[in-house]
C-alpha atoms as a PDB file:
ATOM      1  CA  MET A   1    -109.978 152.065 -52.900  1.00  0.00           C
ATOM      2  CA  LYS A   2    -109.213 154.542 -50.159  1.00  0.00           C
ATOM      3  CA  LYS A   3    -109.036 158.134 -51.299  1.00  0.00           C
ATOM      4  CA  GLY A   4    -105.628 159.844 -51.193  1.00  0.00           C
ATOM      5  CA  LEU A   5    -103.722 156.572 -50.724  1.00  0.00           C
ATOM      6  CA  HIS A   6    -102.947 155.558 -54.302  1.00  0.00           C
ATOM      7  CA  PRO A   7    -100.979 157.687 -56.808  1.00  0.00           C
ATOM      8  CA  ASN A   8    -102.675 159.066 -59.926  1.00  0.00           C
ATOM      9  CA  TYR A   9    -102.098 156.656 -62.824  1.00  0.00           C
ATOM     10  CA  LYS A  10    -102.296 158.499 -66.135  1.00  0.00           C
ATOM     11  CA  SER A  11    -101.385 158.280 -69.799  1.00  0.00           C
ATOM     12  CA  VAL A  12     -97.910 159.679 -70.559  1.00  0.00           C
ATOM     13  CA  THR A  13     -95.666 160.075 -73.593  1.00  0.00           C
ATOM     14  CA  VAL A  14     -92.482 158.006 -73.622  1.00  0.00           C
ATOM     15  CA  THR A  15     -89.629 159.537 -75.646  1.00  0.00           C
ATOM     16  CA  CYS A  16     -86.527 157.682 -76.879  1.00  0.00           C
ATOM     17  CA  ILE A  17     -83.513 159.984 -76.662  1.00  0.00           C
ATOM     18  CA  SER A  18     -81.515 157.894 -79.178  1.00  0.00           C
ATOM     19  CA  CYS A  19     -83.879 158.015 -82.147  1.00  0.00           C
ATOM     20  CA  GLY A  20     -86.639 160.430 -81.099  1.00  0.00           C
ATOM     21  CA  ASN A  21     -89.438 157.845 -81.293  1.00  0.00           C
ATOM     22  CA  THR A  22     -92.456 158.581 -79.078  1.00  0.00           C
ATOM     23  CA  PHE A  23     -95.273 156.340 -77.885  1.00  0.00           C
ATOM     24  CA  GLU A  24     -97.989 156.359 -75.237  1.00  0.00           C
ATOM     25  CA  SER A  25     -97.845 154.379 -71.994  1.00  0.00           C
ATOM     26  CA  GLY A  26     -99.289 154.557 -68.508  1.00  0.00           C
ATOM     27  CA  SER A  27     -97.371 155.781 -65.465  1.00  0.00           C
ATOM     28  CA  ILE A  28     -97.527 157.935 -62.356  1.00  0.00           C
ATOM     29  CA  LEU A  29     -94.750 160.126 -63.795  1.00  0.00           C
ATOM     30  CA  ASP A  30     -95.401 163.141 -66.023  1.00  0.00           C
ATOM     31  CA  GLU A  31     -93.022 162.091 -68.806  1.00  0.00           C
ATOM     32  CA  ILE A  32     -90.614 159.204 -69.412  1.00  0.00           C
ATOM     33  CA  ARG A  33     -87.358 159.307 -71.389  1.00  0.00           C
ATOM     34  CA  VAL A  34     -85.609 156.057 -72.356  1.00  0.00           C
ATOM     35  CA  ASP A  35     -82.164 155.440 -73.854  1.00  0.00           C
ATOM     36  CA  THR A  36     -83.254 152.854 -76.433  1.00  0.00           C
ATOM     37  CA  CYS A  37     -86.610 151.670 -77.719  1.00  0.00           C
ATOM     38  CA  ASN A  38     -87.837 148.907 -80.017  1.00  0.00           C
ATOM     39  CA  GLN A  39     -87.227 151.137 -83.064  1.00  0.00           C
ATOM     40  CA  CYS A  40     -83.480 151.607 -82.448  1.00  0.00           C
ATOM     41  CA  HIS A  41     -82.395 148.597 -80.327  1.00  0.00           C
ATOM     42  CA  PRO A  42     -80.208 146.154 -82.330  1.00  0.00           C
ATOM     43  CA  PHE A  43     -82.175 143.087 -81.186  1.00  0.00           C
ATOM     44  CA  PHE A  44     -85.460 144.376 -82.600  1.00  0.00           C
ATOM     45  CA  THR A  45     -84.064 146.042 -85.734  1.00  0.00           C
ATOM     46  CA  GLY A  46     -82.077 142.995 -86.880  1.00  0.00           C
ATOM     47  CA  LYS A  47     -78.827 144.959 -86.956  1.00  0.00           C
ATOM     48  CA  ASP A  48     -77.343 142.754 -84.257  1.00  0.00           C
ATOM     49  CA  ARG A  49     -73.618 142.847 -83.647  1.00  0.00           C
ATOM     50  CA  SER A  50     -73.314 139.034 -83.639  1.00  0.00           C
ATOM     51  CA  THR A  51     -70.674 138.853 -86.386  1.00  0.00           C
ATOM     52  CA  LYS A  52     -67.882 139.073 -83.828  1.00  0.00           C
ATOM     53  CA  VAL A  53     -69.578 136.474 -81.654  1.00  0.00           C
ATOM     54  CA  ASP A  54     -69.881 134.049 -84.589  1.00  0.00           C
ATOM     55  CA  GLY A  55     -66.128 134.185 -85.076  1.00  0.00           C
ATOM     56  CA  ARG A  56     -65.580 133.401 -81.415  1.00  0.00           C
ATOM     57  CA  VAL A  57     -67.878 130.382 -81.601  1.00  0.00           C
ATOM     58  CA  ASP A  58     -66.044 129.099 -84.676  1.00  0.00           C
ATOM     59  CA  ARG A  59     -62.696 129.574 -82.929  1.00  0.00           C
ATOM     60  CA  PHE A  60     -63.973 127.680 -79.887  1.00  0.00           C
ATOM     61  CA  ASN A  61     -65.265 124.797 -82.013  1.00  0.00           C
ATOM     62  CA  LYS A  62     -62.014 124.670 -83.975  1.00  0.00           C
ATOM     63  CA  ARG A  63     -59.932 124.624 -80.792  1.00  0.00           C
ATOM     64  CA  TYR A  64     -61.984 122.143 -78.747  1.00  0.00           C
ATOM     65  CA  GLY A  65     -63.904 120.279 -81.446  1.00  0.00           C
ATOM     66  CA  ASN A  66     -67.400 118.945 -81.039  1.00  0.00           C
ATOM     67  CA  LEU A  67     -67.852 118.011 -77.364  1.00  0.00           C
ATOM     68  CA  ASN A  68     -71.056 116.010 -78.032  1.00  0.00           C
ATOM     69  CA  LYS A  69     -69.235 113.071 -79.675  1.00  0.00           C
END
């Protein structure tokens, strides 16, 4: 590699501002702050807000029936 051409890649601490979780990653930045991480995101925690969506699917099926017949 040419000297002075590439940025310095280093180990940094990533901090989640929602839950305060921290973990190590690599970046050219000094620190990284994220809104959500795998500890507080609903998809990864299993606390998904799909209950409203399930009702919409049931309403659709009730209104239009099974289209695969």
